[in-house]
Amino acid sequence: MDLQGIKEDLGGAMDIYVINDSMMIEYTTYSPDLGLDFSQWPYTYNYLRSIITQDGFFPDRVVKEVETGNLRKIRLYAITRPPVHF
């Protein structure tokens, strides 16, 4: 899976994340978030569980970066289920 290539195809400004069934970031183009476990935020975890099997695009709110603690940098997560599962 060439996430860096996908990122470049999308213009290079967005990082790509693959979240597994345990709601953990399993693959990403942004290494500080690798292994991030969404279960530490019950609302987010439950939201991801509720949409993971649905078709569609689910934009999320803008959030603060977790791993670096950088309050100036923000992340926007958007969830979409690919037509072919990895």
PDB file of N, CA and C in Angstrom:
ATOM      1  N   MET A   1       0.853  -1.165   0.000  1.00  0.00           N
ATOM      2  CA  MET A   1       0.000   0.000   0.000  1.00  0.00           C
ATOM      3  C   MET A   1       0.904   1.234   0.000  1.00  0.00           C
ATOM      4  N   ASP A   2       0.781   2.047  -1.008  1.00  0.00           N
ATOM      5  CA  ASP A   2       1.644   3.217  -1.166  1.00  0.00           C
ATOM      6  C   ASP A   2       0.916   4.471  -0.682  1.00  0.00           C
ATOM      7  N   LEU A   3       0.893   4.671   0.626  1.00  0.00           N
ATOM      8  CA  LEU A   3       0.193   5.832   1.178  1.00  0.00           C
ATOM      9  C   LEU A   3       0.843   7.144   0.753  1.00  0.00           C
ATOM     10  N   GLN A   4       2.154   7.149   0.667  1.00  0.00           N
ATOM     11  CA  GLN A   4       2.840   8.374   0.248  1.00  0.00           C
ATOM     12  C   GLN A   4       2.447   8.742  -1.184  1.00  0.00           C
ATOM     13  N   GLY A   5       2.324   7.740  -2.033  1.00  0.00           N
ATOM     14  CA  GLY A   5       1.878   7.986  -3.405  1.00  0.00           C
ATOM     15  C   GLY A   5       0.459   8.528  -3.452  1.00  0.00           C
ATOM     16  N   ILE A   6      -0.418   7.981  -2.611  1.00  0.00           N
ATOM     17  CA  ILE A   6      -1.789   8.480  -2.532  1.00  0.00           C
ATOM     18  C   ILE A   6      -1.788   9.928  -2.067  1.00  0.00           C
ATOM     19  N   LYS A   7      -0.980  10.209  -1.050  1.00  0.00           N
ATOM     20  CA  LYS A   7      -0.877  11.581  -0.543  1.00  0.00           C
ATOM     21  C   LYS A   7      -0.449  12.533  -1.657  1.00  0.00           C
ATOM     22  N   GLU A   8       0.567  12.141  -2.410  1.00  0.00           N
ATOM     23  CA  GLU A   8       1.050  12.988  -3.503  1.00  0.00           C
ATOM     24  C   GLU A   8      -0.017  13.158  -4.589  1.00  0.00           C
ATOM     25  N   ASP A   9      -0.758  12.075  -4.887  1.00  0.00           N
ATOM     26  CA  ASP A   9      -1.827  12.159  -5.880  1.00  0.00           C
ATOM     27  C   ASP A   9      -2.916  13.144  -5.460  1.00  0.00           C
ATOM     28  N   LEU A  10      -3.081  13.324  -4.145  1.00  0.00           N
ATOM     29  CA  LEU A  10      -4.098  14.240  -3.619  1.00  0.00           C
ATOM     30  C   LEU A  10      -3.560  15.646  -3.386  1.00  0.00           C
ATOM     31  N   GLY A  11      -2.358  15.908  -3.868  1.00  0.00           N
ATOM     32  CA  GLY A  11      -1.792  17.252  -3.776  1.00  0.00           C
ATOM     33  C   GLY A  11      -0.718  17.418  -2.722  1.00  0.00           C
ATOM     34  N   GLY A  12      -0.487  16.408  -1.889  1.00  0.00           N
ATOM     35  CA  GLY A  12       0.610  16.439  -0.922  1.00  0.00           C
ATOM     36  C   GLY A  12       0.350  17.187   0.366  1.00  0.00           C
ATOM     37  N   ALA A  13      -0.803  17.831   0.499  1.00  0.00           N
ATOM     38  CA  ALA A  13      -1.056  18.642   1.689  1.00  0.00           C
ATOM     39  C   ALA A  13      -1.735  17.866   2.811  1.00  0.00           C
ATOM     40  N   MET A  14      -2.370  16.736   2.479  1.00  0.00           N
ATOM     41  CA  MET A  14      -3.111  15.963   3.481  1.00  0.00           C
ATOM     42  C   MET A  14      -2.364  14.688   3.821  1.00  0.00           C
ATOM     43  N   ASP A  15      -2.374  14.319   5.092  1.00  0.00           N
ATOM     44  CA  ASP A  15      -1.824  13.031   5.489  1.00  0.00           C
ATOM     45  C   ASP A  15      -2.911  11.972   5.378  1.00  0.00           C
ATOM     46  N   ILE A  16      -2.489  10.742   5.163  1.00  0.00           N
ATOM     47  CA  ILE A  16      -3.396   9.614   4.963  1.00  0.00           C
ATOM     48  C   ILE A  16      -3.277   8.679   6.169  1.00  0.00           C
ATOM     49  N   TYR A  17      -4.412   8.180   6.631  1.00  0.00           N
ATOM     50  CA  TYR A  17      -4.470   7.279   7.779  1.00  0.00           C
ATOM     51  C   TYR A  17      -5.296   6.048   7.426  1.00  0.00           C
ATOM     52  N   VAL A  18      -4.841   4.882   7.863  1.00  0.00           N
ATOM     53  CA  VAL A  18      -5.630   3.669   7.783  1.00  0.00           C
ATOM     54  C   VAL A  18      -5.883   3.239   9.221  1.00  0.00           C
ATOM     55  N   ILE A  19      -7.171   3.185   9.583  1.00  0.00           N
ATOM     56  CA  ILE A  19      -7.581   2.836  10.939  1.00  0.00           C
ATOM     57  C   ILE A  19      -8.121   1.410  10.909  1.00  0.00           C
ATOM     58  N   ASN A  20      -7.584   0.562  11.790  1.00  0.00           N
ATOM     59  CA  ASN A  20      -8.003  -0.838  11.793  1.00  0.00           C
ATOM     60  C   ASN A  20      -9.288  -1.046  12.597  1.00  0.00           C
ATOM     61  N   ASP A  21      -9.746  -2.299  12.674  1.00  0.00           N
ATOM     62  CA  ASP A  21     -10.998  -2.622  13.369  1.00  0.00           C
ATOM     63  C   ASP A  21     -10.944  -2.350  14.867  1.00  0.00           C
ATOM     64  N   SER A  22      -9.750  -2.230  15.421  1.00  0.00           N
ATOM     65  CA  SER A  22      -9.598  -1.902  16.841  1.00  0.00           C
ATOM     66  C   SER A  22      -9.598  -0.393  17.063  1.00  0.00           C
ATOM     67  N   MET A  23      -9.808   0.363  15.992  1.00  0.00           N
ATOM     68  CA  MET A  23      -9.830   1.830  16.025  1.00  0.00           C
ATOM     69  C   MET A  23      -8.464   2.397  16.405  1.00  0.00           C
ATOM     70  N   MET A  24      -7.427   1.771  15.855  1.00  0.00           N
ATOM     71  CA  MET A  24      -6.055   2.259  16.012  1.00  0.00           C
ATOM     72  C   MET A  24      -5.506   2.604  14.636  1.00  0.00           C
ATOM     73  N   ILE A  25      -4.671   3.637  14.575  1.00  0.00           N
ATOM     74  CA  ILE A  25      -4.044   3.999  13.304  1.00  0.00           C
ATOM     75  C   ILE A  25      -2.943   2.973  13.025  1.00  0.00           C
ATOM     76  N   GLU A  26      -3.190   2.180  11.984  1.00  0.00           N
ATOM     77  CA  GLU A  26      -2.285   1.088  11.641  1.00  0.00           C
ATOM     78  C   GLU A  26      -1.236   1.505  10.612  1.00  0.00           C
ATOM     79  N   TYR A  27      -1.618   2.388   9.706  1.00  0.00           N
ATOM     80  CA  TYR A  27      -0.705   2.914   8.689  1.00  0.00           C
ATOM     81  C   TYR A  27      -0.996   4.396   8.528  1.00  0.00           C
ATOM     82  N   THR A  28       0.038   5.189   8.253  1.00  0.00           N
ATOM     83  CA  THR A  28      -0.159   6.614   8.054  1.00  0.00           C
ATOM     84  C   THR A  28       1.059   7.223   7.364  1.00  0.00           C
ATOM     85  N   THR A  29       0.843   8.368   6.747  1.00  0.00           N
ATOM     86  CA  THR A  29       1.953   9.140   6.200  1.00  0.00           C
ATOM     87  C   THR A  29       2.500  10.102   7.247  1.00  0.00           C
ATOM     88  N   TYR A  30       1.872  10.150   8.426  1.00  0.00           N
ATOM     89  CA  TYR A  30       2.303  11.047   9.504  1.00  0.00           C
ATOM     90  C   TYR A  30       2.721  10.189  10.694  1.00  0.00           C
ATOM     91  N   SER A  31       3.994   9.855  10.762  1.00  0.00           N
ATOM     92  CA  SER A  31       4.500   8.870  11.725  1.00  0.00           C
ATOM     93  C   SER A  31       4.218   9.174  13.200  1.00  0.00           C
ATOM     94  N   PRO A  32       4.140  10.432  13.663  1.00  0.00           N
ATOM     95  CA  PRO A  32       3.819  10.629  15.081  1.00  0.00           C
ATOM     96  C   PRO A  32       2.454  10.059  15.492  1.00  0.00           C
ATOM     97  N   ASP A  33       1.530   9.896  14.539  1.00  0.00           N
ATOM     98  CA  ASP A  33       0.212   9.356  14.860  1.00  0.00           C
ATOM     99  C   ASP A  33       0.129   7.833  14.716  1.00  0.00           C
ATOM    100  N   LEU A  34       1.175   7.189  14.235  1.00  0.00           N
ATOM    101  CA  LEU A  34       1.168   5.734  14.064  1.00  0.00           C
ATOM    102  C   LEU A  34       0.920   5.057  15.408  1.00  0.00           C
ATOM    103  N   GLY A  35      -0.054   4.151  15.453  1.00  0.00           N
ATOM    104  CA  GLY A  35      -0.390   3.438  16.675  1.00  0.00           C
ATOM    105  C   GLY A  35      -1.368   4.176  17.576  1.00  0.00           C
ATOM    106  N   LEU A  36      -1.801   5.370  17.175  1.00  0.00           N
ATOM    107  CA  LEU A  36      -2.744   6.126  17.984  1.00  0.00           C
ATOM    108  C   LEU A  36      -4.011   5.304  18.201  1.00  0.00           C
ATOM    109  N   ASP A  37      -4.413   5.163  19.445  1.00  0.00           N
ATOM    110  CA  ASP A  37      -5.544   4.332  19.831  1.00  0.00           C
ATOM    111  C   ASP A  37      -6.723   5.225  20.201  1.00  0.00           C
ATOM    112  N   PHE A  38      -7.750   5.208  19.360  1.00  0.00           N
ATOM    113  CA  PHE A  38      -8.896   6.078  19.575  1.00  0.00           C
ATOM    114  C   PHE A  38      -9.751   5.642  20.763  1.00  0.00           C
ATOM    115  N   SER A  39      -9.491   4.478  21.356  1.00  0.00           N
ATOM    116  CA  SER A  39     -10.291   4.042  22.501  1.00  0.00           C
ATOM    117  C   SER A  39     -10.079   4.942  23.719  1.00  0.00           C
ATOM    118  N   GLN A  40      -9.022   5.735  23.723  1.00  0.00           N
ATOM    119  CA  GLN A  40      -8.809   6.648  24.849  1.00  0.00           C
ATOM    120  C   GLN A  40      -9.778   7.834  24.820  1.00  0.00           C
ATOM    121  N   TRP A  41     -10.515   7.976  23.722  1.00  0.00           N
ATOM    122  CA  TRP A  41     -11.552   8.997  23.604  1.00  0.00           C
ATOM    123  C   TRP A  41     -12.859   8.273  23.270  1.00  0.00           C
ATOM    124  N   PRO A  42     -13.651   7.897  24.281  1.00  0.00           N
ATOM    125  CA  PRO A  42     -14.846   7.076  24.039  1.00  0.00           C
ATOM    126  C   PRO A  42     -15.809   7.638  22.994  1.00  0.00           C
ATOM    127  N   TYR A  43     -16.015   8.942  22.982  1.00  0.00           N
ATOM    128  CA  TYR A  43     -16.939   9.502  21.997  1.00  0.00           C
ATOM    129  C   TYR A  43     -16.427   9.235  20.579  1.00  0.00           C
ATOM    130  N   THR A  44     -15.147   9.522  20.350  1.00  0.00           N
ATOM    131  CA  THR A  44     -14.554   9.326  19.024  1.00  0.00           C
ATOM    132  C   THR A  44     -14.536   7.852  18.654  1.00  0.00           C
ATOM    133  N   TYR A  45     -14.155   7.014  19.597  1.00  0.00           N
ATOM    134  CA  TYR A  45     -14.124   5.563  19.364  1.00  0.00           C
ATOM    135  C   TYR A  45     -15.503   5.064  18.935  1.00  0.00           C
ATOM    136  N   ASN A  46     -16.529   5.432  19.672  1.00  0.00           N
ATOM    137  CA  ASN A  46     -17.886   4.974  19.361  1.00  0.00           C
ATOM    138  C   ASN A  46     -18.373   5.531  18.029  1.00  0.00           C
ATOM    139  N   TYR A  47     -18.006   6.770  17.728  1.00  0.00           N
ATOM    140  CA  TYR A  47     -18.373   7.367  16.446  1.00  0.00           C
ATOM    141  C   TYR A  47     -17.721   6.595  15.294  1.00  0.00           C
ATOM    142  N   LEU A  48     -16.438   6.310  15.414  1.00  0.00           N
ATOM    143  CA  LEU A  48     -15.747   5.555  14.363  1.00  0.00           C
ATOM    144  C   LEU A  48     -16.362   4.166  14.196  1.00  0.00           C
ATOM    145  N   ARG A  49     -16.663   3.499  15.310  1.00  0.00           N
ATOM    146  CA  ARG A  49     -17.289   2.169  15.253  1.00  0.00           C
ATOM    147  C   ARG A  49     -18.636   2.242  14.524  1.00  0.00           C
ATOM    148  N   SER A  50     -19.360   3.332  14.731  1.00  0.00           N
ATOM    149  CA  SER A  50     -20.693   3.435  14.133  1.00  0.00           C
ATOM    150  C   SER A  50     -20.650   3.691  12.624  1.00  0.00           C
ATOM    151  N   ILE A  51     -19.579   4.277  12.121  1.00  0.00           N
ATOM    152  CA  ILE A  51     -19.546   4.613  10.688  1.00  0.00           C
ATOM    153  C   ILE A  51     -18.650   3.702   9.868  1.00  0.00           C
ATOM    154  N   ILE A  52     -17.872   2.842  10.514  1.00  0.00           N
ATOM    155  CA  ILE A  52     -16.851   2.091   9.780  1.00  0.00           C
ATOM    156  C   ILE A  52     -17.431   1.162   8.716  1.00  0.00           C
ATOM    157  N   THR A  53     -18.650   0.695   8.895  1.00  0.00           N
ATOM    158  CA  THR A  53     -19.247  -0.197   7.907  1.00  0.00           C
ATOM    159  C   THR A  53     -20.206   0.509   6.968  1.00  0.00           C
ATOM    160  N   GLN A  54     -20.354   1.809   7.125  1.00  0.00           N
ATOM    161  CA  GLN A  54     -21.273   2.563   6.273  1.00  0.00           C
ATOM    162  C   GLN A  54     -20.556   3.093   5.037  1.00  0.00           C
ATOM    163  N   ASP A  55     -21.291   3.216   3.966  1.00  0.00           N
ATOM    164  CA  ASP A  55     -20.764   3.870   2.773  1.00  0.00           C
ATOM    165  C   ASP A  55     -20.935   5.369   2.950  1.00  0.00           C
ATOM    166  N   GLY A  56     -20.016   6.130   2.370  1.00  0.00           N
ATOM    167  CA  GLY A  56     -20.142   7.576   2.404  1.00  0.00           C
ATOM    168  C   GLY A  56     -18.857   8.243   2.846  1.00  0.00           C
ATOM    169  N   PHE A  57     -18.919   9.537   2.922  1.00  0.00           N
ATOM    170  CA  PHE A  57     -17.800  10.376   3.338  1.00  0.00           C
ATOM    171  C   PHE A  57     -18.228  11.094   4.602  1.00  0.00           C
ATOM    172  N   PHE A  58     -17.400  11.027   5.645  1.00  0.00           N
ATOM    173  CA  PHE A  58     -17.758  11.572   6.946  1.00  0.00           C
ATOM    174  C   PHE A  58     -16.695  12.566   7.405  1.00  0.00           C
ATOM    175  N   PRO A  59     -16.838  13.843   7.057  1.00  0.00           N
ATOM    176  CA  PRO A  59     -15.857  14.828   7.520  1.00  0.00           C
ATOM    177  C   PRO A  59     -16.019  15.050   9.020  1.00  0.00           C
ATOM    178  N   ASP A  60     -14.909  15.220   9.694  1.00  0.00           N
ATOM    179  CA  ASP A  60     -14.921  15.440  11.134  1.00  0.00           C
ATOM    180  C   ASP A  60     -14.520  16.876  11.419  1.00  0.00           C
ATOM    181  N   ARG A  61     -14.679  17.275  12.656  1.00  0.00           N
ATOM    182  CA  ARG A  61     -14.288  18.625  13.055  1.00  0.00           C
ATOM    183  C   ARG A  61     -12.757  18.745  13.057  1.00  0.00           C
ATOM    184  N   VAL A  62     -12.281  19.943  13.103  1.00  0.00           N
ATOM    185  CA  VAL A  62     -10.850  20.201  13.215  1.00  0.00           C
ATOM    186  C   VAL A  62     -10.446  19.952  14.665  1.00  0.00           C
ATOM    187  N   VAL A  63      -9.357  19.214  14.861  1.00  0.00           N
ATOM    188  CA  VAL A  63      -8.924  18.852  16.209  1.00  0.00           C
ATOM    189  C   VAL A  63      -7.456  19.207  16.420  1.00  0.00           C
ATOM    190  N   LYS A  64      -7.046  19.311  17.676  1.00  0.00           N
ATOM    191  CA  LYS A  64      -5.641  19.560  18.003  1.00  0.00           C
ATOM    192  C   LYS A  64      -4.830  18.299  17.777  1.00  0.00           C
ATOM    193  N   GLU A  65      -3.581  18.487  17.418  1.00  0.00           N
ATOM    194  CA  GLU A  65      -2.685  17.364  17.210  1.00  0.00           C
ATOM    195  C   GLU A  65      -2.397  16.682  18.540  1.00  0.00           C
ATOM    196  N   VAL A  66      -2.514  15.372  18.587  1.00  0.00           N
ATOM    197  CA  VAL A  66      -2.413  14.625  19.840  1.00  0.00           C
ATOM    198  C   VAL A  66      -0.976  14.296  20.216  1.00  0.00           C
ATOM    199  N   GLU A  67      -0.257  13.655  19.333  1.00  0.00           N
ATOM    200  CA  GLU A  67       1.044  13.088  19.689  1.00  0.00           C
ATOM    201  C   GLU A  67       2.129  14.117  19.994  1.00  0.00           C
ATOM    202  N   THR A  68       2.114  15.243  19.312  1.00  0.00           N
ATOM    203  CA  THR A  68       3.194  16.211  19.515  1.00  0.00           C
ATOM    204  C   THR A  68       2.876  17.221  20.605  1.00  0.00           C
ATOM    205  N   GLY A  69       1.606  17.349  20.950  1.00  0.00           N
ATOM    206  CA  GLY A  69       1.221  18.356  21.931  1.00  0.00           C
ATOM    207  C   GLY A  69       1.265  19.768  21.381  1.00  0.00           C
ATOM    208  N   ASN A  70       1.485  19.907  20.103  1.00  0.00           N
ATOM    209  CA  ASN A  70       1.561  21.208  19.454  1.00  0.00           C
ATOM    210  C   ASN A  70       0.169  21.814  19.367  1.00  0.00           C
ATOM    211  N   LEU A  71      -0.073  22.868  20.110  1.00  0.00           N
ATOM    212  CA  LEU A  71      -1.388  23.482  20.123  1.00  0.00           C
ATOM    213  C   LEU A  71      -1.642  24.367  18.911  1.00  0.00           C
ATOM    214  N   ARG A  72      -0.624  24.728  18.189  1.00  0.00           N
ATOM    215  CA  ARG A  72      -0.792  25.600  17.026  1.00  0.00           C
ATOM    216  C   ARG A  72      -1.182  24.810  15.786  1.00  0.00           C
ATOM    217  N   LYS A  73      -0.799  23.548  15.733  1.00  0.00           N
ATOM    218  CA  LYS A  73      -1.077  22.746  14.558  1.00  0.00           C
ATOM    219  C   LYS A  73      -2.405  22.019  14.752  1.00  0.00           C
ATOM    220  N   ILE A  74      -3.243  22.038  13.744  1.00  0.00           N
ATOM    221  CA  ILE A  74      -4.519  21.355  13.839  1.00  0.00           C
ATOM    222  C   ILE A  74      -4.599  20.251  12.799  1.00  0.00           C
ATOM    223  N   ARG A  75      -5.446  19.273  13.052  1.00  0.00           N
ATOM    224  CA  ARG A  75      -5.634  18.165  12.136  1.00  0.00           C
ATOM    225  C   ARG A  75      -7.111  18.094  11.783  1.00  0.00           C
ATOM    226  N   LEU A  76      -7.411  17.816  10.558  1.00  0.00           N
ATOM    227  CA  LEU A  76      -8.778  17.574  10.133  1.00  0.00           C
ATOM    228  C   LEU A  76      -8.852  16.122   9.677  1.00  0.00           C
ATOM    229  N   TYR A  77      -9.678  15.350  10.351  1.00  0.00           N
ATOM    230  CA  TYR A  77      -9.871  13.961   9.965  1.00  0.00           C
ATOM    231  C   TYR A  77     -11.151  13.857   9.150  1.00  0.00           C
ATOM    232  N   ALA A  78     -11.095  13.103   8.089  1.00  0.00           N
ATOM    233  CA  ALA A  78     -12.282  12.795   7.307  1.00  0.00           C
ATOM    234  C   ALA A  78     -12.238  11.298   7.038  1.00  0.00           C
ATOM    235  N   ILE A  79     -13.371  10.674   7.158  1.00  0.00           N
ATOM    236  CA  ILE A  79     -13.419   9.231   7.065  1.00  0.00           C
ATOM    237  C   ILE A  79     -14.210   8.839   5.845  1.00  0.00           C
ATOM    238  N   THR A  80     -13.642   7.938   5.068  1.00  0.00           N
ATOM    239  CA  THR A  80     -14.357   7.359   3.948  1.00  0.00           C
ATOM    240  C   THR A  80     -13.937   5.898   3.847  1.00  0.00           C
ATOM    241  N   ARG A  81     -14.851   5.052   3.507  1.00  0.00           N
ATOM    242  CA  ARG A  81     -14.534   3.644   3.359  1.00  0.00           C
ATOM    243  C   ARG A  81     -14.139   3.418   1.917  1.00  0.00           C
ATOM    244  N   PRO A  82     -12.956   2.855   1.682  1.00  0.00           N
ATOM    245  CA  PRO A  82     -12.539   2.625   0.289  1.00  0.00           C
ATOM    246  C   PRO A  82     -13.419   1.556  -0.368  1.00  0.00           C
ATOM    247  N   PRO A  83     -13.558   1.603  -1.680  1.00  0.00           N
ATOM    248  CA  PRO A  83     -14.383   0.617  -2.361  1.00  0.00           C
ATOM    249  C   PRO A  83     -13.805  -0.801  -2.244  1.00  0.00           C
ATOM    250  N   VAL A  84     -12.502  -0.899  -2.100  1.00  0.00           N
ATOM    251  CA  VAL A  84     -11.845  -2.192  -1.930  1.00  0.00           C
ATOM    252  C   VAL A  84     -11.113  -2.136  -0.590  1.00  0.00           C
ATOM    253  N   HIS A  85     -11.385  -3.099   0.296  1.00  0.00           N
ATOM    254  CA  HIS A  85     -10.733  -3.119   1.592  1.00  0.00           C
ATOM    255  C   HIS A  85      -9.314  -3.653   1.466  1.00  0.00           C
ATOM    256  N   PHE A  86      -8.403  -3.107   2.291  1.00  0.00           N
ATOM    257  CA  PHE A  86      -6.994  -3.518   2.266  1.00  0.00           C
ATOM    258  C   PHE A  86      -6.825  -4.851   2.932  1.00  0.00           C
TER     259      PHE A  86
END
